[in-house]
Structure formats: C-alpha cells, structure tokens
Amino acid sequence: MKKRKKATTPRSPRKDSSAASTAGADVEETAADATFAVAAECTVADAGALKSELGRLLDHEAAVTLDVGSVQRIDTAGLQVIAAFVRERATHGRNVVWQGTTPAFSNAVELLGLGSLLSWERS
C-alpha cells in the first residue's frame, strides 16, 4: 500500500510580535566579549527567537556573558535553549559567564537539575 504525502502549505509568520520582543533582549558585542541580556519572559513561546539570537553567539571567540538579572518567568523550553547553548559552547572550548540572578531563574535551574551543566552557583 502506498503512503500518500500530506499536502503542505507554507505557514505564515506569526503576527504576534511579543515573542520576538521578549525572547532575548539586548546583545552587546565587541571583539573581546559579548553580553546577552535574557528577557524577563523566557517561555516556550519565545524559545525559537531565543535559540536564533543565541545561535549568533555560538562561534564568538571570547566568553559570552548571559545576563539573567531580569528573568521573571522561565519554563523548561527556555532553560533547554540556554542549556543547549552553554553545552555547545563548552564542547568547542568557549566559555559562558553568568551575570545577575533572580529567584525565578535560580529556582528553575535547581528544579531541573541543570546547575552542573550550566556551571551555575545559586547566589
């Protein structure tokens, strides 16, 4: 019996611009270092944009600083993207430095058991 291919239609881009604006905020990049400020909302709705933004920093030679000082809400998807970024950089001998902290971020890291993977020390 032959399997039929499903007809695919191109998806239109999401019209909700809030995901793009909350995914990851500011990136300050110089030849020496880069700082990425993680947005206050870091959830599954923002994971795609967050992955894309962090992806631009994967090959940055110097350490990348992740500023999590404004994170108010983060879920498993958001933390997975951040963990994958940290692991990928570590695989290539590139560092990630942490800046700031919030109870929401610290609690999520602890709850998911990602402290050692992220080299995160609760403040």
N, C-alpha and C. Protein backbone atom coordinates (compact mmCIF):
# COMPACT_ATOMS: atom_id res chain seq x y z
N MET A 1 0.83 -1.17 0.00
CA MET A 1 0.00 0.00 0.00
C MET A 1 0.88 1.24 0.00
N LYS A 2 0.62 2.16 -0.89
CA LYS A 2 1.39 3.39 -0.99
C LYS A 2 0.93 4.39 0.06
N LYS A 3 1.90 5.07 0.63
CA LYS A 3 1.56 6.13 1.55
C LYS A 3 1.44 7.43 0.77
N ARG A 4 0.41 8.17 1.10
CA ARG A 4 0.23 9.45 0.44
C ARG A 4 0.97 10.52 1.21
N LYS A 5 1.56 11.41 0.48
CA LYS A 5 2.19 12.55 1.12
C LYS A 5 1.12 13.55 1.49
N LYS A 6 1.28 14.10 2.65
CA LYS A 6 0.35 15.14 3.06
C LYS A 6 0.67 16.41 2.30
N ALA A 7 -0.35 17.10 1.92
CA ALA A 7 -0.15 18.39 1.26
C ALA A 7 0.34 19.38 2.31
N THR A 8 1.34 20.11 1.95
CA THR A 8 1.84 21.10 2.89
C THR A 8 1.61 22.50 2.35
N THR A 9 1.25 23.34 3.22
CA THR A 9 1.08 24.73 2.84
C THR A 9 2.05 25.54 3.68
N PRO A 10 2.65 26.54 3.08
CA PRO A 10 3.60 27.33 3.85
C PRO A 10 2.89 28.06 4.98
N ARG A 11 3.54 28.09 6.09
CA ARG A 11 2.98 28.79 7.24
C ARG A 11 3.29 30.27 7.12
N SER A 12 2.34 31.05 7.50
CA SER A 12 2.60 32.49 7.51
C SER A 12 3.26 32.83 8.84
N PRO A 13 4.09 33.85 8.83
CA PRO A 13 4.76 34.21 10.07
C PRO A 13 3.77 34.62 11.14
N ARG A 14 4.14 34.38 12.37
CA ARG A 14 3.30 34.76 13.48
C ARG A 14 3.15 36.26 13.54
N LYS A 15 1.94 36.71 13.72
CA LYS A 15 1.71 38.15 13.74
C LYS A 15 1.91 38.74 15.12
N ASP A 16 2.03 37.90 16.12
CA ASP A 16 2.25 38.37 17.47
C ASP A 16 3.71 38.76 17.63
N SER A 17 3.98 40.01 17.72
CA SER A 17 5.36 40.47 17.80
C SER A 17 5.91 40.38 19.21
N SER A 18 5.08 40.02 20.18
CA SER A 18 5.56 39.96 21.55
C SER A 18 6.62 38.89 21.74
N ALA A 19 6.56 37.81 21.01
CA ALA A 19 7.56 36.75 21.15
C ALA A 19 8.94 37.26 20.78
N ALA A 20 9.01 37.98 19.70
CA ALA A 20 10.30 38.49 19.27
C ALA A 20 10.85 39.52 20.25
N SER A 21 9.97 40.29 20.83
CA SER A 21 10.45 41.33 21.71
C SER A 21 10.79 40.82 23.10
N THR A 22 10.31 39.64 23.48
CA THR A 22 10.59 39.15 24.82
C THR A 22 11.61 38.04 24.85
N ALA A 23 11.97 37.48 23.72
CA ALA A 23 12.82 36.30 23.70
C ALA A 23 14.17 36.53 24.32
N GLY A 24 14.81 37.50 23.93
CA GLY A 24 16.12 37.73 24.48
C GLY A 24 16.38 39.15 24.20
N ALA A 25 16.86 39.81 24.91
CA ALA A 25 16.77 41.21 24.68
C ALA A 25 17.98 41.75 24.01
N ASP A 26 18.76 42.41 24.74
CA ASP A 26 19.86 43.15 24.15
C ASP A 26 21.11 42.31 24.05
N VAL A 27 21.80 42.49 22.94
CA VAL A 27 23.10 41.86 22.78
C VAL A 27 24.11 42.97 22.59
N GLU A 28 25.08 43.02 23.45
CA GLU A 28 26.19 43.95 23.31
C GLU A 28 27.39 43.11 22.93
N GLU A 29 27.95 43.38 21.77
CA GLU A 29 29.05 42.55 21.30
C GLU A 29 30.21 43.43 20.86
N THR A 30 31.37 43.09 21.35
CA THR A 30 32.61 43.73 20.91
C THR A 30 33.55 42.61 20.49
N ALA A 31 34.70 42.98 20.00
CA ALA A 31 35.67 41.97 19.58
C ALA A 31 36.09 41.11 20.77
N ALA A 32 36.11 41.70 21.95
CA ALA A 32 36.58 40.98 23.12
C ALA A 32 35.50 40.15 23.79
N ASP A 33 34.31 40.70 23.93
CA ASP A 33 33.29 39.97 24.66
C ASP A 33 31.90 40.28 24.12
N ALA A 34 30.94 39.50 24.58
CA ALA A 34 29.55 39.70 24.19
C ALA A 34 28.68 39.48 25.42
N THR A 35 27.70 40.33 25.60
CA THR A 35 26.75 40.17 26.70
C THR A 35 25.37 40.04 26.11
N PHE A 36 24.65 39.01 26.54
CA PHE A 36 23.29 38.77 26.08
C PHE A 36 22.37 38.88 27.29
N ALA A 37 21.46 39.83 27.25
CA ALA A 37 20.50 40.02 28.34
C ALA A 37 19.26 39.18 28.06
N VAL A 38 19.04 38.17 28.86
CA VAL A 38 17.87 37.31 28.71
C VAL A 38 16.65 38.11 29.17
N ALA A 39 15.59 38.05 28.39
CA ALA A 39 14.39 38.83 28.67
C ALA A 39 13.67 38.34 29.92
N ALA A 40 12.78 39.16 30.43
CA ALA A 40 12.02 38.84 31.63
C ALA A 40 11.15 37.60 31.42
N GLU A 41 10.57 37.47 30.25
CA GLU A 41 9.75 36.30 29.91
C GLU A 41 10.56 35.39 29.00
N CYS A 42 10.80 34.18 29.43
CA CYS A 42 11.60 33.24 28.66
C CYS A 42 10.86 31.90 28.67
N THR A 43 9.87 31.78 27.79
CA THR A 43 8.98 30.61 27.80
C THR A 43 8.98 29.94 26.43
N VAL A 44 8.19 28.89 26.33
CA VAL A 44 8.11 28.13 25.09
C VAL A 44 7.72 29.02 23.91
N ALA A 45 6.93 30.02 24.14
CA ALA A 45 6.54 30.93 23.06
C ALA A 45 7.72 31.73 22.53
N ASP A 46 8.74 31.89 23.36
CA ASP A 46 9.91 32.68 23.00
C ASP A 46 11.11 31.82 22.61
N ALA A 47 11.00 30.52 22.73
CA ALA A 47 12.15 29.63 22.56
C ALA A 47 12.78 29.72 21.17
N GLY A 48 11.99 29.81 20.14
CA GLY A 48 12.54 29.89 18.78
C GLY A 48 13.38 31.14 18.57
N ALA A 49 12.86 32.27 19.01
CA ALA A 49 13.60 33.52 18.87
C ALA A 49 14.86 33.50 19.75
N LEU A 50 14.73 32.95 20.95
CA LEU A 50 15.88 32.86 21.85
C LEU A 50 16.97 32.00 21.24
N LYS A 51 16.58 30.87 20.66
CA LYS A 51 17.55 29.98 20.02
C LYS A 51 18.27 30.69 18.88
N SER A 52 17.52 31.42 18.09
CA SER A 52 18.10 32.15 16.97
C SER A 52 19.09 33.21 17.44
N GLU A 53 18.70 33.96 18.45
CA GLU A 53 19.56 35.03 18.96
C GLU A 53 20.84 34.47 19.59
N LEU A 54 20.69 33.41 20.39
CA LEU A 54 21.88 32.80 21.00
C LEU A 54 22.75 32.13 19.94
N GLY A 55 22.12 31.60 18.91
CA GLY A 55 22.87 30.94 17.83
C GLY A 55 23.89 31.86 17.18
N ARG A 56 23.58 33.13 17.14
CA ARG A 56 24.52 34.09 16.55
C ARG A 56 25.77 34.26 17.41
N LEU A 57 25.70 33.83 18.66
CA LEU A 57 26.84 33.98 19.57
C LEU A 57 27.60 32.67 19.78
N LEU A 58 27.17 31.59 19.16
CA LEU A 58 27.82 30.29 19.37
C LEU A 58 29.31 30.33 19.03
N ASP A 59 29.66 30.96 17.93
CA ASP A 59 31.05 30.94 17.48
C ASP A 59 31.87 32.13 17.96
N HIS A 60 31.30 32.95 18.82
CA HIS A 60 32.03 34.10 19.34
C HIS A 60 33.24 33.59 20.11
N GLU A 61 34.41 34.06 19.76
CA GLU A 61 35.66 33.54 20.31
C GLU A 61 35.81 33.79 21.81
N ALA A 62 35.50 34.99 22.24
CA ALA A 62 35.65 35.34 23.66
C ALA A 62 34.46 34.81 24.45
N ALA A 63 34.54 34.92 25.75
CA ALA A 63 33.44 34.48 26.62
C ALA A 63 32.18 35.28 26.31
N VAL A 64 31.06 34.60 26.42
CA VAL A 64 29.76 35.24 26.28
C VAL A 64 29.15 35.34 27.67
N THR A 65 28.71 36.53 28.03
CA THR A 65 28.06 36.75 29.32
C THR A 65 26.56 36.68 29.13
N LEU A 66 25.91 35.80 29.89
CA LEU A 66 24.45 35.73 29.89
C LEU A 66 23.96 36.45 31.13
N ASP A 67 23.27 37.56 30.90
CA ASP A 67 22.72 38.35 31.99
C ASP A 67 21.28 37.89 32.24
N VAL A 68 21.08 37.21 33.36
CA VAL A 68 19.75 36.69 33.70
C VAL A 68 19.11 37.49 34.83
N GLY A 69 19.62 38.68 35.06
CA GLY A 69 19.16 39.50 36.15
C GLY A 69 17.75 40.05 36.03
N SER A 70 17.14 39.93 34.86
CA SER A 70 15.77 40.43 34.73
C SER A 70 14.75 39.32 34.47
N VAL A 71 15.19 38.07 34.51
CA VAL A 71 14.28 36.94 34.26
C VAL A 71 13.23 36.85 35.38
N GLN A 72 11.98 36.97 35.00
CA GLN A 72 10.89 36.86 35.96
C GLN A 72 10.11 35.55 35.79
N ARG A 73 10.18 35.01 34.57
CA ARG A 73 9.46 33.77 34.28
C ARG A 73 10.24 32.99 33.24
N ILE A 74 10.56 31.73 33.58
CA ILE A 74 11.27 30.87 32.64
C ILE A 74 10.70 29.47 32.78
N ASP A 75 10.50 28.81 31.67
CA ASP A 75 9.98 27.44 31.71
C ASP A 75 11.04 26.48 31.17
N THR A 76 10.67 25.22 31.10
CA THR A 76 11.61 24.19 30.67
C THR A 76 12.16 24.47 29.28
N ALA A 77 11.31 24.91 28.36
CA ALA A 77 11.76 25.17 26.99
C ALA A 77 12.82 26.27 26.96
N GLY A 78 12.58 27.33 27.69
CA GLY A 78 13.55 28.42 27.73
C GLY A 78 14.88 27.97 28.32
N LEU A 79 14.80 27.20 29.38
CA LEU A 79 16.02 26.72 30.01
C LEU A 79 16.73 25.68 29.14
N GLN A 80 15.97 24.90 28.38
CA GLN A 80 16.59 23.94 27.46
C GLN A 80 17.41 24.66 26.40
N VAL A 81 16.89 25.74 25.87
CA VAL A 81 17.61 26.50 24.85
C VAL A 81 18.91 27.06 25.44
N ILE A 82 18.82 27.61 26.64
CA ILE A 82 20.01 28.15 27.29
C ILE A 82 21.01 27.04 27.59
N ALA A 83 20.54 25.90 28.08
CA ALA A 83 21.42 24.78 28.38
C ALA A 83 22.11 24.25 27.12
N ALA A 84 21.38 24.16 26.03
CA ALA A 84 21.98 23.70 24.77
C ALA A 84 23.05 24.67 24.30
N PHE A 85 22.81 25.95 24.46
CA PHE A 85 23.78 26.98 24.09
C PHE A 85 25.06 26.83 24.92
N VAL A 86 24.91 26.70 26.23
CA VAL A 86 26.05 26.56 27.13
C VAL A 86 26.83 25.28 26.80
N ARG A 87 26.11 24.18 26.59
CA ARG A 87 26.77 22.90 26.28
C ARG A 87 27.52 22.98 24.95
N GLU A 88 26.91 23.57 23.95
CA GLU A 88 27.55 23.68 22.63
C GLU A 88 28.82 24.53 22.71
N ARG A 89 28.75 25.62 23.43
CA ARG A 89 29.95 26.46 23.58
C ARG A 89 31.04 25.70 24.34
N ALA A 90 30.66 24.97 25.37
CA ALA A 90 31.65 24.21 26.15
C ALA A 90 32.30 23.13 25.30
N THR A 91 31.54 22.52 24.42
CA THR A 91 32.06 21.48 23.53
C THR A 91 33.20 22.02 22.68
N HIS A 92 33.13 23.30 22.34
CA HIS A 92 34.15 23.93 21.49
C HIS A 92 35.15 24.75 22.30
N GLY A 93 35.15 24.53 23.62
CA GLY A 93 36.11 25.22 24.47
C GLY A 93 35.84 26.70 24.67
N ARG A 94 34.59 27.10 24.51
CA ARG A 94 34.23 28.51 24.67
C ARG A 94 33.41 28.69 25.93
N ASN A 95 33.70 29.74 26.67
CA ASN A 95 33.08 29.95 27.97
C ASN A 95 31.79 30.76 27.91
N VAL A 96 30.97 30.51 28.92
CA VAL A 96 29.80 31.33 29.20
C VAL A 96 29.95 31.82 30.64
N VAL A 97 29.76 33.11 30.82
CA VAL A 97 29.86 33.73 32.13
C VAL A 97 28.46 34.20 32.52
N TRP A 98 28.11 34.03 33.78
CA TRP A 98 26.79 34.42 34.27
C TRP A 98 26.85 35.77 34.95
N GLN A 99 25.79 36.53 34.72
CA GLN A 99 25.67 37.83 35.36
C GLN A 99 24.25 37.97 35.89
N GLY A 100 24.12 38.47 37.10
CA GLY A 100 22.80 38.68 37.69
C GLY A 100 22.16 37.37 38.11
N THR A 101 21.07 37.51 38.82
CA THR A 101 20.29 36.35 39.23
C THR A 101 18.91 36.81 39.65
N THR A 102 17.98 35.92 39.57
CA THR A 102 16.63 36.15 40.09
C THR A 102 16.16 34.84 40.70
N PRO A 103 15.22 34.92 41.63
CA PRO A 103 14.68 33.68 42.19
C PRO A 103 14.07 32.78 41.12
N ALA A 104 13.42 33.38 40.13
CA ALA A 104 12.79 32.57 39.08
C ALA A 104 13.82 31.74 38.32
N PHE A 105 14.93 32.36 37.96
CA PHE A 105 15.96 31.63 37.21
C PHE A 105 16.64 30.59 38.10
N SER A 106 17.05 31.00 39.28
CA SER A 106 17.73 30.07 40.18
C SER A 106 16.87 28.87 40.53
N ASN A 107 15.61 29.12 40.82
CA ASN A 107 14.69 28.03 41.16
C ASN A 107 14.50 27.07 39.99
N ALA A 108 14.38 27.60 38.79
CA ALA A 108 14.20 26.75 37.61
C ALA A 108 15.43 25.87 37.37
N VAL A 109 16.61 26.45 37.49
CA VAL A 109 17.86 25.69 37.32
C VAL A 109 17.93 24.57 38.35
N GLU A 110 17.61 24.90 39.58
CA GLU A 110 17.65 23.91 40.66
C GLU A 110 16.60 22.82 40.46
N LEU A 111 15.39 23.22 40.13
CA LEU A 111 14.30 22.28 39.94
C LEU A 111 14.59 21.28 38.82
N LEU A 112 15.20 21.76 37.74
CA LEU A 112 15.50 20.89 36.60
C LEU A 112 16.86 20.20 36.72
N GLY A 113 17.58 20.49 37.77
CA GLY A 113 18.87 19.81 37.98
C GLY A 113 19.92 20.18 36.96
N LEU A 114 19.93 21.42 36.51
CA LEU A 114 20.87 21.84 35.47
C LEU A 114 22.06 22.63 36.00
N GLY A 115 22.19 22.72 37.31
CA GLY A 115 23.26 23.53 37.90
C GLY A 115 24.64 23.16 37.42
N SER A 116 24.97 21.88 37.40
CA SER A 116 26.33 21.49 36.99
C SER A 116 26.55 21.68 35.50
N LEU A 117 25.54 21.38 34.69
CA LEU A 117 25.68 21.58 33.23
C LEU A 117 25.90 23.04 32.91
N LEU A 118 25.20 23.91 33.61
CA LEU A 118 25.30 25.34 33.35
C LEU A 118 26.45 26.01 34.13
N SER A 119 27.09 25.25 35.02
CA SER A 119 28.10 25.82 35.91
C SER A 119 27.49 26.99 36.68
N TRP A 120 26.28 26.77 37.16
CA TRP A 120 25.52 27.80 37.85
C TRP A 120 25.62 27.57 39.36
N GLU A 121 25.98 28.60 40.06
CA GLU A 121 26.01 28.54 41.51
C GLU A 121 24.95 29.48 42.04
N ARG A 122 24.05 28.93 42.81
CA ARG A 122 22.96 29.75 43.36
C ARG A 122 23.54 30.81 44.28
N SER A 123 23.09 32.03 44.06
CA SER A 123 23.57 33.14 44.88
C SER A 123 22.68 33.35 46.07
